[in-house]
């Protein structure tokens, strides 16, 4: 289980005195505990791999948003820290599809569903996101679908 694996990595990070990895791992475990509590489970239970990946994806998205905000505020010191944490989080996530792959799938879905009207863009977007859940970044999918119209 991914949840248990990450908990065990905390001990390794402590022994290696790797402060950055320790901070990121502790943040993941804290988010896992919050997720368990939110689902009315006991904090010492273990999340399924699918649930753990959802939590890690959410944490990675938060880091990306923080990086963007810190860049706007000219805080490169904080950008570097967030990027390092993001890299550690992404190591646990499945590899996302390349933009070209998403473009092929979006185009084939558009033709398959015979969607030509801009008003049906949302329908196309939802079908593609359902198919590519966890495989492609939602922002990339949105950009690709917007480019088709």
Protein backbone atom coordinates (compact mmCIF):
# COMPACT_ATOMS: atom_id res chain seq x y z
CA UNK A 1 0.00 0.00 0.00
CA UNK A 2 1.27 3.43 -0.97
CA UNK A 3 0.16 4.96 2.34
CA UNK A 4 2.24 2.48 4.37
CA UNK A 5 5.19 2.85 2.00
CA UNK A 6 5.23 6.64 2.53
CA UNK A 7 4.95 6.23 6.31
CA UNK A 8 8.01 3.94 6.24
CA UNK A 9 9.95 6.43 4.09
CA UNK A 10 9.67 8.97 6.94
CA UNK A 11 11.97 6.81 9.08
CA UNK A 12 14.47 6.57 6.23
CA UNK A 13 14.40 10.35 5.69
CA UNK A 14 14.95 10.93 9.41
CA UNK A 15 17.96 8.60 9.48
CA UNK A 16 19.37 10.21 6.34
CA UNK A 17 18.74 13.68 7.86
CA UNK A 18 17.00 14.71 4.62
CA UNK A 19 14.92 17.67 5.85
CA UNK A 20 13.23 18.42 2.52
CA UNK A 21 12.09 14.85 1.93
CA UNK A 22 11.00 14.56 5.55
CA UNK A 23 8.87 17.71 5.24
CA UNK A 24 7.20 16.47 2.04
CA UNK A 25 6.56 12.98 3.44
CA UNK A 26 5.09 14.37 6.65
CA UNK A 27 2.83 16.66 4.63
CA UNK A 28 1.57 13.63 2.67
CA UNK A 29 0.89 11.60 5.82
CA UNK A 30 -0.91 14.56 7.40
CA UNK A 31 -3.06 14.92 4.26
CA UNK A 32 -3.78 11.18 4.35
CA UNK A 33 -4.94 11.49 7.97
CA UNK A 34 -7.14 14.47 7.07
CA UNK A 35 -8.66 12.47 4.21
CA UNK A 36 -9.41 9.55 6.56
CA UNK A 37 -11.07 11.86 9.08
CA UNK A 38 -13.07 13.55 6.32
CA UNK A 39 -14.35 10.12 5.25
CA UNK A 40 -15.37 9.33 8.85
CA UNK A 41 -12.65 6.72 9.24
CA UNK A 42 -10.18 6.34 12.10
CA UNK A 43 -6.96 8.36 11.66
CA UNK A 44 -4.82 5.24 12.07
CA UNK A 45 -6.47 3.39 9.17
CA UNK A 46 -4.73 3.10 5.80
CA UNK A 47 -5.99 4.71 2.56
CA UNK A 48 -6.31 2.62 -0.59
CA UNK A 49 -3.73 3.35 -3.28
CA UNK A 50 -6.39 5.12 -5.38
CA UNK A 51 -7.36 7.39 -2.47
CA UNK A 52 -3.70 8.06 -1.64
CA UNK A 53 -2.99 9.03 -5.26
CA UNK A 54 -5.94 11.43 -5.20
CA UNK A 55 -4.52 13.11 -2.09
CA UNK A 56 -1.00 13.31 -3.57
CA UNK A 57 -2.43 14.75 -6.80
CA UNK A 58 -4.23 17.41 -4.76
CA UNK A 59 -1.01 18.25 -2.89
CA UNK A 60 0.92 18.50 -6.17
CA UNK A 61 -1.72 20.86 -7.58
CA UNK A 62 -1.43 23.03 -4.46
CA UNK A 63 2.36 23.19 -4.94
CA UNK A 64 1.92 24.23 -8.60
CA UNK A 65 -0.50 26.98 -7.56
CA UNK A 66 1.92 28.15 -4.86
CA UNK A 67 4.80 28.24 -7.33
CA UNK A 68 2.74 30.41 -9.66
CA UNK A 69 1.80 32.81 -6.84
CA UNK A 70 5.36 33.03 -5.51
CA UNK A 71 6.65 33.81 -9.00
CA UNK A 72 4.16 36.66 -9.28
CA UNK A 73 5.41 37.96 -5.93
CA UNK A 74 9.10 37.65 -6.94
CA UNK A 75 9.83 35.14 -4.16
CA UNK A 76 12.25 32.84 -5.97
CA UNK A 77 13.50 31.43 -2.64
CA UNK A 78 10.02 30.04 -1.95
CA UNK A 79 9.58 28.93 -5.58
CA UNK A 80 12.66 26.70 -5.28
CA UNK A 81 11.40 25.10 -2.06
CA UNK A 82 7.95 24.41 -3.54
CA UNK A 83 9.48 22.99 -6.74
CA UNK A 84 11.64 20.60 -4.74
CA UNK A 85 8.60 19.39 -2.80
CA UNK A 86 6.62 19.08 -6.03
CA UNK A 87 9.32 16.83 -7.51
CA UNK A 88 9.13 14.55 -4.47
CA UNK A 89 5.33 14.39 -4.73
CA UNK A 90 5.42 13.67 -8.47
CA UNK A 91 7.71 10.70 -7.83
CA UNK A 92 4.67 8.95 -6.34
CA UNK A 93 2.28 9.91 -9.13
CA UNK A 94 1.84 8.02 -12.39
CA UNK A 95 3.45 9.69 -15.41
CA UNK A 96 1.07 12.10 -17.11
CA UNK A 97 0.32 11.84 -20.82
CA UNK A 98 2.12 14.11 -23.25
CA UNK A 99 0.17 16.93 -24.89
CA UNK A 100 0.40 15.24 -28.33
CA UNK A 101 -1.25 12.07 -26.95
CA UNK A 102 -4.05 14.14 -25.39
CA UNK A 103 -4.55 15.97 -28.70
CA UNK A 104 -5.00 12.66 -30.59
CA UNK A 105 -7.53 11.37 -28.06
CA UNK A 106 -9.44 14.68 -27.97
CA UNK A 107 -9.66 14.83 -31.75
CA UNK A 108 -10.86 11.23 -32.03
CA UNK A 109 -13.48 11.79 -29.28
CA UNK A 110 -14.67 14.96 -31.01
CA UNK A 111 -15.15 13.05 -34.27
CA UNK A 112 -16.64 10.01 -32.52
CA UNK A 113 -19.25 12.13 -30.72
CA UNK A 114 -19.79 14.42 -33.75
CA UNK A 115 -19.27 17.54 -31.67
CA UNK A 116 -18.85 20.64 -33.82
CA UNK A 117 -20.61 23.31 -31.79
CA UNK A 118 -18.72 25.38 -29.21
CA UNK A 119 -21.72 25.00 -26.90
CA UNK A 120 -20.95 21.27 -26.60
CA UNK A 121 -17.33 21.89 -25.57
CA UNK A 122 -18.18 21.08 -21.93
CA UNK A 123 -19.65 17.71 -22.94
CA UNK A 124 -16.47 16.85 -24.85
CA UNK A 125 -14.32 17.99 -21.95
CA UNK A 126 -16.20 15.82 -19.44
CA UNK A 127 -16.00 12.71 -21.66
CA UNK A 128 -12.25 13.16 -22.17
CA UNK A 129 -11.59 13.84 -18.48
CA UNK A 130 -13.55 10.73 -17.53
CA UNK A 131 -11.40 8.62 -19.90
CA UNK A 132 -8.10 10.22 -18.90
CA UNK A 133 -8.69 10.59 -15.15
CA UNK A 134 -5.33 10.30 -13.43
CA UNK A 135 -3.54 9.94 -16.76
CA UNK A 136 -3.52 13.53 -18.02
CA UNK A 137 -3.31 16.96 -16.44
CA UNK A 138 -6.72 18.66 -16.52
CA UNK A 139 -5.16 21.97 -17.55
CA UNK A 140 -3.56 20.35 -20.61
CA UNK A 141 -6.87 18.70 -21.54
CA UNK A 142 -8.68 22.04 -21.24
CA UNK A 143 -6.10 23.79 -23.45
CA UNK A 144 -6.33 21.02 -26.07
CA UNK A 145 -10.16 21.10 -26.11
CA UNK A 146 -10.16 24.92 -26.33
CA UNK A 147 -7.80 24.70 -29.31
CA UNK A 148 -10.20 22.35 -31.14
CA UNK A 149 -12.89 25.06 -31.34
